[in-house]
Amino acid sequence: THKKRITLMWVLPLSILAGLVILAAVACLLKKRMGNRERKE
């Protein structure tokens, strides 16, 4: 039971950080695409 609690303590923050990183990467890609569209127009 103790091991499970420790893994949850590590997995939850790591998953949250991973999600934030993915969202940031997607946001950067969207910004680049929007910028390219504006430049082309």
PDB file of N, CA and C in Angstrom:
ATOM      1  N   THR A   1       0.849  -1.203   0.000  1.00  0.00           N
ATOM      2  CA  THR A   1       0.000   0.000   0.000  1.00  0.00           C
ATOM      3  C   THR A   1       0.884   1.252   0.000  1.00  0.00           C
ATOM      4  N   HIS A   2       1.972   1.223   0.754  1.00  0.00           N
ATOM      5  CA  HIS A   2       2.859   2.381   0.809  1.00  0.00           C
ATOM      6  C   HIS A   2       3.476   2.646  -0.560  1.00  0.00           C
ATOM      7  N   LYS A   3       3.889   1.564  -1.229  1.00  0.00           N
ATOM      8  CA  LYS A   3       4.495   1.734  -2.555  1.00  0.00           C
ATOM      9  C   LYS A   3       3.506   2.363  -3.522  1.00  0.00           C
ATOM     10  N   LYS A   4       2.252   1.926  -3.469  1.00  0.00           N
ATOM     11  CA  LYS A   4       1.223   2.482  -4.364  1.00  0.00           C
ATOM     12  C   LYS A   4       1.061   3.975  -4.100  1.00  0.00           C
ATOM     13  N   ARG A   5       1.063   4.360  -2.831  1.00  0.00           N
ATOM     14  CA  ARG A   5       0.907   5.785  -2.497  1.00  0.00           C
ATOM     15  C   ARG A   5       2.070   6.591  -3.059  1.00  0.00           C
ATOM     16  N   ILE A   6       3.279   6.063  -2.929  1.00  0.00           N
ATOM     17  CA  ILE A   6       4.463   6.767  -3.431  1.00  0.00           C
ATOM     18  C   ILE A   6       4.388   6.906  -4.949  1.00  0.00           C
ATOM     19  N   THR A   7       3.990   5.839  -5.634  1.00  0.00           N
ATOM     20  CA  THR A   7       3.907   5.902  -7.098  1.00  0.00           C
ATOM     21  C   THR A   7       2.881   6.948  -7.513  1.00  0.00           C
ATOM     22  N   LEU A   8       1.744   7.017  -6.800  1.00  0.00           N
ATOM     23  CA  LEU A   8       0.722   8.012  -7.129  1.00  0.00           C
ATOM     24  C   LEU A   8       1.288   9.414  -6.937  1.00  0.00           C
ATOM     25  N   MET A   9       2.058   9.616  -5.866  1.00  0.00           N
ATOM     26  CA  MET A   9       2.651  10.927  -5.605  1.00  0.00           C
ATOM     27  C   MET A   9       3.566  11.339  -6.745  1.00  0.00           C
ATOM     28  N   TRP A  10       4.250  10.361  -7.357  1.00  0.00           N
ATOM     29  CA  TRP A  10       5.156  10.671  -8.475  1.00  0.00           C
ATOM     30  C   TRP A  10       4.421  10.745  -9.801  1.00  0.00           C
ATOM     31  N   VAL A  11       3.485   9.814 -10.023  1.00  0.00           N
ATOM     32  CA  VAL A  11       2.790   9.745 -11.316  1.00  0.00           C
ATOM     33  C   VAL A  11       1.905  10.966 -11.559  1.00  0.00           C
ATOM     34  N   LEU A  12       1.155  11.395 -10.549  1.00  0.00           N
ATOM     35  CA  LEU A  12       0.242  12.530 -10.744  1.00  0.00           C
ATOM     36  C   LEU A  12       0.968  13.791 -11.184  1.00  0.00           C
ATOM     37  N   PRO A  13       1.968  14.281 -10.463  1.00  0.00           N
ATOM     38  CA  PRO A  13       2.673  15.500 -10.884  1.00  0.00           C
ATOM     39  C   PRO A  13       3.377  15.326 -12.222  1.00  0.00           C
ATOM     40  N   LEU A  14       3.943  14.134 -12.456  1.00  0.00           N
ATOM     41  CA  LEU A  14       4.635  13.897 -13.739  1.00  0.00           C
ATOM     42  C   LEU A  14       3.641  13.949 -14.895  1.00  0.00           C
ATOM     43  N   SER A  15       2.468  13.371 -14.714  1.00  0.00           N
ATOM     44  CA  SER A  15       1.455  13.381 -15.779  1.00  0.00           C
ATOM     45  C   SER A  15       0.976  14.804 -16.029  1.00  0.00           C
ATOM     46  N   ILE A  16       0.824  15.578 -14.947  1.00  0.00           N
ATOM     47  CA  ILE A  16       0.389  16.973 -15.091  1.00  0.00           C
ATOM     48  C   ILE A  16       1.456  17.759 -15.851  1.00  0.00           C
ATOM     49  N   LEU A  17       2.725  17.566 -15.493  1.00  0.00           N
ATOM     50  CA  LEU A  17       3.819  18.272 -16.184  1.00  0.00           C
ATOM     51  C   LEU A  17       3.849  17.874 -17.651  1.00  0.00           C
ATOM     52  N   ALA A  18       3.681  16.586 -17.919  1.00  0.00           N
ATOM     53  CA  ALA A  18       3.697  16.111 -19.311  1.00  0.00           C
ATOM     54  C   ALA A  18       2.553  16.764 -20.090  1.00  0.00           C
ATOM     55  N   GLY A  19       1.392  16.846 -19.479  1.00  0.00           N
ATOM     56  CA  GLY A  19       0.244  17.471 -20.144  1.00  0.00           C
ATOM     57  C   GLY A  19       0.525  18.932 -20.448  1.00  0.00           C
ATOM     58  N   LEU A  20       1.121  19.651 -19.487  1.00  0.00           N
ATOM     59  CA  LEU A  20       1.436  21.071 -19.702  1.00  0.00           C
ATOM     60  C   LEU A  20       2.431  21.223 -20.840  1.00  0.00           C
ATOM     61  N   VAL A  21       3.433  20.348 -20.877  1.00  0.00           N
ATOM     62  CA  VAL A  21       4.452  20.423 -21.939  1.00  0.00           C
ATOM     63  C   VAL A  21       3.802  20.194 -23.305  1.00  0.00           C
ATOM     64  N   ILE A  22       2.918  19.192 -23.371  1.00  0.00           N
ATOM     65  CA  ILE A  22       2.246  18.893 -24.648  1.00  0.00           C
ATOM     66  C   ILE A  22       1.374  20.075 -25.071  1.00  0.00           C
ATOM     67  N   LEU A  23       0.631  20.650 -24.114  1.00  0.00           N
ATOM     68  CA  LEU A  23      -0.222  21.806 -24.435  1.00  0.00           C
ATOM     69  C   LEU A  23       0.636  22.962 -24.925  1.00  0.00           C
ATOM     70  N   ALA A  24       1.774  23.191 -24.286  1.00  0.00           N
ATOM     71  CA  ALA A  24       2.659  24.291 -24.695  1.00  0.00           C
ATOM     72  C   ALA A  24       3.172  24.048 -26.110  1.00  0.00           C
ATOM     73  N   ALA A  25       3.553  22.813 -26.405  1.00  0.00           N
ATOM     74  CA  ALA A  25       4.063  22.490 -27.747  1.00  0.00           C
ATOM     75  C   ALA A  25       2.965  22.704 -28.792  1.00  0.00           C
ATOM     76  N   VAL A  26       1.751  22.254 -28.486  1.00  0.00           N
ATOM     77  CA  VAL A  26       0.631  22.426 -29.427  1.00  0.00           C
ATOM     78  C   VAL A  26       0.351  23.916 -29.632  1.00  0.00           C
ATOM     79  N   ALA A  27       0.387  24.684 -28.552  1.00  0.00           N
ATOM     80  CA  ALA A  27       0.136  26.130 -28.644  1.00  0.00           C
ATOM     81  C   ALA A  27       1.180  26.782 -29.542  1.00  0.00           C
ATOM     82  N   CYS A  28       2.449  26.386 -29.381  1.00  0.00           N
ATOM     83  CA  CYS A  28       3.526  26.950 -30.211  1.00  0.00           C
ATOM     84  C   CYS A  28       3.286  26.604 -31.681  1.00  0.00           C
ATOM     85  N   LEU A  29       2.909  25.361 -31.963  1.00  0.00           N
ATOM     86  CA  LEU A  29       2.670  24.948 -33.346  1.00  0.00           C
ATOM     87  C   LEU A  29       1.503  25.736 -33.942  1.00  0.00           C
ATOM     88  N   LEU A  30       0.434  25.912 -33.155  1.00  0.00           N
ATOM     89  CA  LEU A  30      -0.722  26.664 -33.648  1.00  0.00           C
ATOM     90  C   LEU A  30      -0.332  28.101 -33.927  1.00  0.00           C
ATOM     91  N   LYS A  31       0.472  28.702 -33.034  1.00  0.00           N
ATOM     92  CA  LYS A  31       0.904  30.085 -33.238  1.00  0.00           C
ATOM     93  C   LYS A  31       1.727  30.205 -34.516  1.00  0.00           C
ATOM     94  N   LYS A  32       2.601  29.235 -34.741  1.00  0.00           N
ATOM     95  CA  LYS A  32       3.436  29.264 -35.954  1.00  0.00           C
ATOM     96  C   LYS A  32       2.555  29.152 -37.195  1.00  0.00           C
ATOM     97  N   ARG A  33       1.565  28.267 -37.171  1.00  0.00           N
ATOM     98  CA  ARG A  33       0.674  28.092 -38.329  1.00  0.00           C
ATOM     99  C   ARG A  33      -0.113  29.376 -38.572  1.00  0.00           C
ATOM    100  N   MET A  34      -0.645  29.972 -37.516  1.00  0.00           N
ATOM    101  CA  MET A  34      -1.412  31.209 -37.648  1.00  0.00           C
ATOM    102  C   MET A  34      -0.513  32.312 -38.207  1.00  0.00           C
ATOM    103  N   GLY A  35       0.726  32.399 -37.714  1.00  0.00           N
ATOM    104  CA  GLY A  35       1.673  33.406 -38.191  1.00  0.00           C
ATOM    105  C   GLY A  35       1.960  33.207 -39.671  1.00  0.00           C
ATOM    106  N   ASN A  36       2.146  31.949 -40.097  1.00  0.00           N
ATOM    107  CA  ASN A  36       2.425  31.666 -41.505  1.00  0.00           C
ATOM    108  C   ASN A  36       1.234  32.065 -42.370  1.00  0.00           C
ATOM    109  N   ARG A  37       0.029  31.778 -41.903  1.00  0.00           N
ATOM    110  CA  ARG A  37      -1.174  32.131 -42.674  1.00  0.00           C
ATOM    111  C   ARG A  37      -1.246  33.651 -42.834  1.00  0.00           C
ATOM    112  N   GLU A  38      -0.994  34.386 -41.764  1.00  0.00           N
ATOM    113  CA  GLU A  38      -1.063  35.848 -41.827  1.00  0.00           C
ATOM    114  C   GLU A  38      -0.011  36.383 -42.791  1.00  0.00           C
ATOM    115  N   ARG A  39       1.182  35.811 -42.749  1.00  0.00           N
ATOM    116  CA  ARG A  39       2.265  36.273 -43.626  1.00  0.00           C
ATOM    117  C   ARG A  39       1.921  35.988 -45.090  1.00  0.00           C
ATOM    118  N   LYS A  40       1.379  34.801 -45.359  1.00  0.00           N
ATOM    119  CA  LYS A  40       1.036  34.436 -46.740  1.00  0.00           C
ATOM    120  C   LYS A  40      -0.027  35.388 -47.278  1.00  0.00           C
ATOM    121  N   GLU A  41      -1.033  35.695 -46.464  1.00  0.00           N
ATOM    122  CA  GLU A  41      -2.104  36.595 -46.911  1.00  0.00           C
ATOM    123  C   GLU A  41      -1.539  37.996 -47.112  1.00  0.00           C
TER     124      GLU A  41
END
